[in-house]
């Protein structure tokens, strides 16, 4: 349900950005209103970006954030496994049955 609402909101923002961009281009053509048209064109461009981010899934809309999340999860797993390995290395090894010396009897 949330995905549909985000897509619908993105479509509305995209249409609004089209209208704002068209008005900005018309203002830029009028040389006298060029100082108003350029900032409005910048606003339209930001609105297009916001609309695209609303329509895309989170992993595509914010790839750096999702990469940081996955790296931090992997890092925490690696840190815990490294500490476990260090703990095993510092403990006294037990005498394992397959490491015993075999004694042969001749007789």
N, C-alpha and C. Protein backbone atom coordinates (compact mmCIF):
# COMPACT_ATOMS: atom_id res chain seq x y z
N UNK A 1 0.83 -1.19 0.00
CA UNK A 1 0.00 0.00 0.00
C UNK A 1 0.88 1.26 0.00
N UNK A 2 1.93 1.23 0.82
CA UNK A 2 2.82 2.39 0.90
C UNK A 2 3.55 2.61 -0.43
N UNK A 3 3.84 1.52 -1.11
CA UNK A 3 4.54 1.63 -2.38
C UNK A 3 3.68 2.33 -3.43
N UNK A 4 2.38 2.02 -3.40
CA UNK A 4 1.46 2.65 -4.34
C UNK A 4 1.34 4.14 -4.04
N UNK A 5 1.25 4.49 -2.77
CA UNK A 5 1.15 5.90 -2.40
C UNK A 5 2.41 6.67 -2.78
N UNK A 6 3.56 6.05 -2.57
CA UNK A 6 4.81 6.72 -2.96
C UNK A 6 4.88 6.92 -4.47
N UNK A 7 4.44 5.92 -5.23
CA UNK A 7 4.43 6.05 -6.69
C UNK A 7 3.47 7.12 -7.16
N UNK A 8 2.30 7.17 -6.53
CA UNK A 8 1.31 8.19 -6.88
C UNK A 8 1.81 9.58 -6.53
N UNK A 9 2.43 9.71 -5.36
CA UNK A 9 3.01 11.00 -4.97
C UNK A 9 4.13 11.42 -5.91
N UNK A 10 4.94 10.46 -6.32
CA UNK A 10 6.01 10.75 -7.27
C UNK A 10 5.48 11.21 -8.61
N UNK A 11 4.39 10.61 -9.05
CA UNK A 11 3.78 11.02 -10.33
C UNK A 11 3.23 12.44 -10.23
N UNK A 12 2.61 12.76 -9.11
CA UNK A 12 2.07 14.12 -8.93
C UNK A 12 3.20 15.14 -8.89
N UNK A 13 4.27 14.83 -8.16
CA UNK A 13 5.41 15.75 -8.09
C UNK A 13 6.06 15.89 -9.46
N UNK A 14 6.10 14.80 -10.24
CA UNK A 14 6.69 14.86 -11.58
C UNK A 14 5.87 15.77 -12.50
N UNK A 15 4.54 15.64 -12.43
CA UNK A 15 3.68 16.51 -13.24
C UNK A 15 3.82 17.97 -12.82
N UNK A 16 3.89 18.23 -11.53
CA UNK A 16 4.08 19.58 -11.04
C UNK A 16 5.44 20.15 -11.49
N UNK A 17 6.46 19.29 -11.51
CA UNK A 17 7.78 19.72 -11.97
C UNK A 17 7.75 20.06 -13.46
N UNK A 18 6.95 19.32 -14.23
CA UNK A 18 6.80 19.64 -15.65
C UNK A 18 6.19 21.04 -15.84
N UNK A 19 5.16 21.33 -15.08
CA UNK A 19 4.50 22.65 -15.18
C UNK A 19 5.46 23.75 -14.75
N UNK A 20 6.15 23.55 -13.64
CA UNK A 20 7.10 24.56 -13.15
C UNK A 20 8.23 24.76 -14.15
N UNK A 21 8.72 23.67 -14.74
CA UNK A 21 9.77 23.77 -15.75
C UNK A 21 9.31 24.51 -16.99
N UNK A 22 8.08 24.27 -17.41
CA UNK A 22 7.54 24.97 -18.59
C UNK A 22 7.42 26.47 -18.31
N UNK A 23 6.92 26.81 -17.14
CA UNK A 23 6.82 28.23 -16.76
C UNK A 23 8.21 28.85 -16.69
N UNK A 24 9.19 28.12 -16.16
CA UNK A 24 10.56 28.63 -16.06
C UNK A 24 11.17 28.87 -17.44
N UNK A 25 10.91 27.96 -18.38
CA UNK A 25 11.45 28.15 -19.74
C UNK A 25 10.82 29.37 -20.40
N UNK A 26 9.52 29.56 -20.20
CA UNK A 26 8.85 30.73 -20.78
C UNK A 26 9.40 32.01 -20.15
N UNK A 27 9.65 31.98 -18.85
CA UNK A 27 10.24 33.15 -18.20
C UNK A 27 11.66 33.40 -18.68
N UNK A 28 12.41 32.35 -18.96
CA UNK A 28 13.78 32.53 -19.44
C UNK A 28 13.81 33.10 -20.86
N UNK A 29 12.80 32.78 -21.65
CA UNK A 29 12.73 33.33 -23.01
C UNK A 29 12.51 34.84 -22.94
N UNK A 30 11.71 35.26 -22.00
CA UNK A 30 11.51 36.69 -21.78
C UNK A 30 12.75 37.21 -21.06
N UNK A 31 13.55 37.97 -21.75
CA UNK A 31 14.85 38.39 -21.24
C UNK A 31 14.70 39.20 -19.95
N UNK A 32 13.63 39.94 -19.85
CA UNK A 32 13.44 40.77 -18.68
C UNK A 32 13.21 39.92 -17.41
N UNK A 33 12.59 38.74 -17.57
CA UNK A 33 12.30 37.87 -16.43
C UNK A 33 13.29 36.72 -16.28
N UNK A 34 14.44 36.83 -16.92
CA UNK A 34 15.48 35.80 -16.83
C UNK A 34 15.93 35.54 -15.38
N UNK A 35 16.11 36.58 -14.53
CA UNK A 35 16.51 36.31 -13.14
C UNK A 35 15.46 35.53 -12.35
N UNK A 36 14.23 35.54 -12.77
CA UNK A 36 13.19 34.75 -12.10
C UNK A 36 13.15 33.34 -12.68
N UNK A 37 13.37 33.22 -13.99
CA UNK A 37 13.26 31.94 -14.67
C UNK A 37 14.35 30.95 -14.30
N UNK A 38 15.58 31.42 -14.12
CA UNK A 38 16.70 30.52 -13.80
C UNK A 38 16.54 29.83 -12.44
N UNK A 39 16.22 30.55 -11.36
CA UNK A 39 16.01 29.84 -10.09
C UNK A 39 14.80 28.91 -10.15
N UNK A 40 13.77 29.31 -10.91
CA UNK A 40 12.60 28.45 -11.03
C UNK A 40 12.94 27.17 -11.80
N UNK A 41 13.83 27.28 -12.77
CA UNK A 41 14.29 26.10 -13.50
C UNK A 41 15.06 25.16 -12.58
N UNK A 42 15.85 25.73 -11.67
CA UNK A 42 16.58 24.93 -10.70
C UNK A 42 15.61 24.20 -9.75
N UNK A 43 14.54 24.88 -9.36
CA UNK A 43 13.53 24.26 -8.49
C UNK A 43 12.86 23.10 -9.23
N UNK A 44 12.55 23.29 -10.51
CA UNK A 44 11.92 22.23 -11.30
C UNK A 44 12.85 21.01 -11.40
N UNK A 45 14.12 21.28 -11.57
CA UNK A 45 15.10 20.17 -11.66
C UNK A 45 15.14 19.37 -10.35
N UNK A 46 15.12 20.07 -9.22
CA UNK A 46 15.11 19.38 -7.93
C UNK A 46 13.82 18.59 -7.75
N UNK A 47 12.73 19.12 -8.24
CA UNK A 47 11.45 18.42 -8.12
C UNK A 47 11.46 17.14 -8.96
N UNK A 48 12.09 17.18 -10.14
CA UNK A 48 12.22 15.96 -10.95
C UNK A 48 13.02 14.89 -10.20
N UNK A 49 14.10 15.30 -9.54
CA UNK A 49 14.90 14.36 -8.77
C UNK A 49 14.12 13.77 -7.61
N UNK A 50 13.36 14.61 -6.93
CA UNK A 50 12.56 14.13 -5.80
C UNK A 50 11.49 13.15 -6.28
N UNK A 51 10.87 13.44 -7.43
CA UNK A 51 9.86 12.54 -7.98
C UNK A 51 10.46 11.19 -8.35
N UNK A 52 11.65 11.20 -8.91
CA UNK A 52 12.30 9.94 -9.27
C UNK A 52 12.63 9.13 -8.02
N UNK A 53 13.11 9.81 -6.97
CA UNK A 53 13.42 9.09 -5.73
C UNK A 53 12.17 8.53 -5.06
N UNK A 54 11.04 9.21 -5.22
CA UNK A 54 9.80 8.70 -4.65
C UNK A 54 9.33 7.44 -5.38
N UNK A 55 9.56 7.40 -6.69
CA UNK A 55 9.07 6.26 -7.48
C UNK A 55 9.97 5.02 -7.36
N UNK A 56 11.24 5.22 -7.08
CA UNK A 56 12.18 4.10 -7.04
C UNK A 56 12.18 3.43 -5.67
N UNK A 57 12.57 2.14 -5.61
CA UNK A 57 12.75 1.50 -4.31
C UNK A 57 13.92 2.14 -3.55
N UNK A 58 13.97 1.89 -2.26
CA UNK A 58 14.97 2.54 -1.41
C UNK A 58 16.40 2.21 -1.84
N UNK A 59 16.64 0.98 -2.24
CA UNK A 59 18.00 0.57 -2.60
C UNK A 59 18.49 1.32 -3.85
N UNK A 60 17.59 1.64 -4.76
CA UNK A 60 17.98 2.38 -5.95
C UNK A 60 17.97 3.89 -5.72
N UNK A 61 17.06 4.35 -4.88
CA UNK A 61 16.97 5.78 -4.63
C UNK A 61 18.12 6.28 -3.77
N UNK A 62 18.57 5.46 -2.81
CA UNK A 62 19.66 5.83 -1.92
C UNK A 62 20.70 4.71 -1.91
N UNK A 63 21.48 4.54 -2.98
CA UNK A 63 22.41 3.41 -3.03
C UNK A 63 23.53 3.51 -2.01
N UNK A 64 23.96 4.71 -1.68
CA UNK A 64 25.05 4.85 -0.72
C UNK A 64 24.59 4.43 0.67
N UNK A 65 23.38 4.84 1.04
CA UNK A 65 22.86 4.49 2.37
C UNK A 65 22.67 2.98 2.48
N UNK A 66 22.13 2.35 1.44
CA UNK A 66 21.93 0.90 1.52
C UNK A 66 23.27 0.17 1.51
N UNK A 67 24.27 0.73 0.82
CA UNK A 67 25.60 0.11 0.84
C UNK A 67 26.23 0.24 2.23
N UNK A 68 26.03 1.40 2.87
CA UNK A 68 26.55 1.57 4.23
C UNK A 68 25.90 0.60 5.19
N UNK A 69 24.60 0.40 5.03
CA UNK A 69 23.89 -0.54 5.91
C UNK A 69 24.42 -1.95 5.74
N UNK A 70 24.62 -2.38 4.49
CA UNK A 70 25.09 -3.74 4.27
C UNK A 70 26.54 -3.91 4.73
N UNK A 71 27.36 -2.86 4.55
CA UNK A 71 28.75 -2.94 4.99
C UNK A 71 28.81 -2.97 6.51
N UNK A 72 27.98 -2.19 7.18
CA UNK A 72 28.02 -2.20 8.64
C UNK A 72 27.55 -3.54 9.19
N UNK A 73 26.56 -4.15 8.54
CA UNK A 73 26.13 -5.48 8.98
C UNK A 73 27.24 -6.50 8.77
N UNK A 74 27.90 -6.44 7.61
CA UNK A 74 28.99 -7.37 7.32
C UNK A 74 30.15 -7.12 8.27
N UNK A 75 30.43 -5.84 8.55
CA UNK A 75 31.52 -5.50 9.45
C UNK A 75 31.28 -5.99 10.85
N UNK A 76 30.04 -5.87 11.31
CA UNK A 76 29.76 -6.34 12.67
C UNK A 76 29.86 -7.86 12.74
N UNK A 77 29.44 -8.54 11.68
CA UNK A 77 29.57 -10.00 11.65
C UNK A 77 31.04 -10.40 11.62
N UNK A 78 31.83 -9.67 10.81
CA UNK A 78 33.25 -9.99 10.71
C UNK A 78 33.95 -9.71 12.04
N UNK A 79 33.56 -8.62 12.69
CA UNK A 79 34.17 -8.29 13.98
C UNK A 79 33.87 -9.34 15.03
N UNK A 80 32.63 -9.82 15.07
CA UNK A 80 32.30 -10.84 16.07
C UNK A 80 32.99 -12.16 15.76
N UNK A 81 33.10 -12.51 14.48
CA UNK A 81 33.78 -13.77 14.15
C UNK A 81 35.28 -13.65 14.39
N UNK A 82 35.84 -12.46 14.18
CA UNK A 82 37.26 -12.26 14.45
C UNK A 82 37.55 -12.35 15.94
N UNK A 83 36.66 -11.79 16.75
CA UNK A 83 36.87 -11.87 18.20
C UNK A 83 36.71 -13.30 18.68
N UNK A 84 35.78 -14.05 18.09
CA UNK A 84 35.64 -15.46 18.44
C UNK A 84 36.89 -16.25 18.07
N UNK A 85 37.45 -15.95 16.90
CA UNK A 85 38.64 -16.66 16.46
C UNK A 85 39.83 -16.31 17.36
N UNK A 86 39.93 -15.06 17.76
CA UNK A 86 41.02 -14.65 18.66
C UNK A 86 40.88 -15.33 20.01
N UNK A 87 39.66 -15.46 20.47
CA UNK A 87 39.42 -16.12 21.76
C UNK A 87 39.80 -17.59 21.69
N UNK A 88 39.48 -18.24 20.58
CA UNK A 88 39.84 -19.65 20.42
C UNK A 88 41.35 -19.82 20.32
N UNK A 89 42.02 -18.86 19.69
CA UNK A 89 43.47 -18.97 19.51
C UNK A 89 44.20 -18.78 20.83
N UNK A 90 43.66 -18.00 21.75
CA UNK A 90 44.36 -17.74 23.00
C UNK A 90 44.08 -18.79 24.07
N UNK A 91 43.03 -19.59 23.90
CA UNK A 91 42.75 -20.62 24.90
C UNK A 91 43.68 -21.80 24.70
N UNK A 92 43.88 -22.56 25.75
CA UNK A 92 44.76 -23.71 25.70
C UNK A 92 44.11 -24.80 24.85
N UNK A 93 44.83 -25.31 23.87
CA UNK A 93 44.22 -26.33 23.02
C UNK A 93 44.00 -27.63 23.80
N UNK A 94 42.91 -28.26 23.53
CA UNK A 94 42.63 -29.53 24.19
C UNK A 94 43.33 -30.65 23.42
N UNK A 95 43.58 -31.76 24.12
CA UNK A 95 44.22 -32.89 23.46
C UNK A 95 43.15 -33.63 22.68
N UNK A 96 43.31 -33.55 21.41
CA UNK A 96 42.32 -34.15 20.54
C UNK A 96 42.69 -35.60 20.25
N UNK A 97 41.72 -36.50 20.14
CA UNK A 97 42.02 -37.91 19.94
C UNK A 97 42.73 -38.19 18.62
N UNK A 98 42.49 -37.43 17.59
CA UNK A 98 43.14 -37.73 16.31
C UNK A 98 44.55 -37.16 16.23
N UNK A 99 44.96 -36.46 17.27
CA UNK A 99 46.32 -35.94 17.29
C UNK A 99 47.24 -36.79 18.18
N UNK A 100 46.73 -37.82 18.76
CA UNK A 100 47.57 -38.66 19.61
C UNK A 100 48.55 -39.45 18.76
N UNK A 101 49.67 -39.75 19.37
CA UNK A 101 50.68 -40.53 18.68
C UNK A 101 50.26 -41.99 18.70
N UNK A 102 50.40 -42.61 17.59
CA UNK A 102 50.04 -44.04 17.51
C UNK A 102 51.22 -44.88 17.99
N UNK A 103 50.91 -45.86 18.78
CA UNK A 103 51.96 -46.75 19.28
C UNK A 103 51.77 -48.11 18.60
N UNK A 104 52.86 -48.57 18.07
CA UNK A 104 52.82 -49.87 17.41
C UNK A 104 53.36 -50.94 18.35
N UNK A 105 52.73 -52.06 18.33
CA UNK A 105 53.23 -53.16 19.16
C UNK A 105 53.80 -54.24 18.23
N UNK A 106 54.99 -54.69 18.56
CA UNK A 106 55.64 -55.73 17.78
C UNK A 106 55.61 -57.04 18.54
N UNK A 107 54.64 -57.73 18.42
CA UNK A 107 54.76 -58.95 19.15
C UNK A 107 53.58 -59.68 19.40
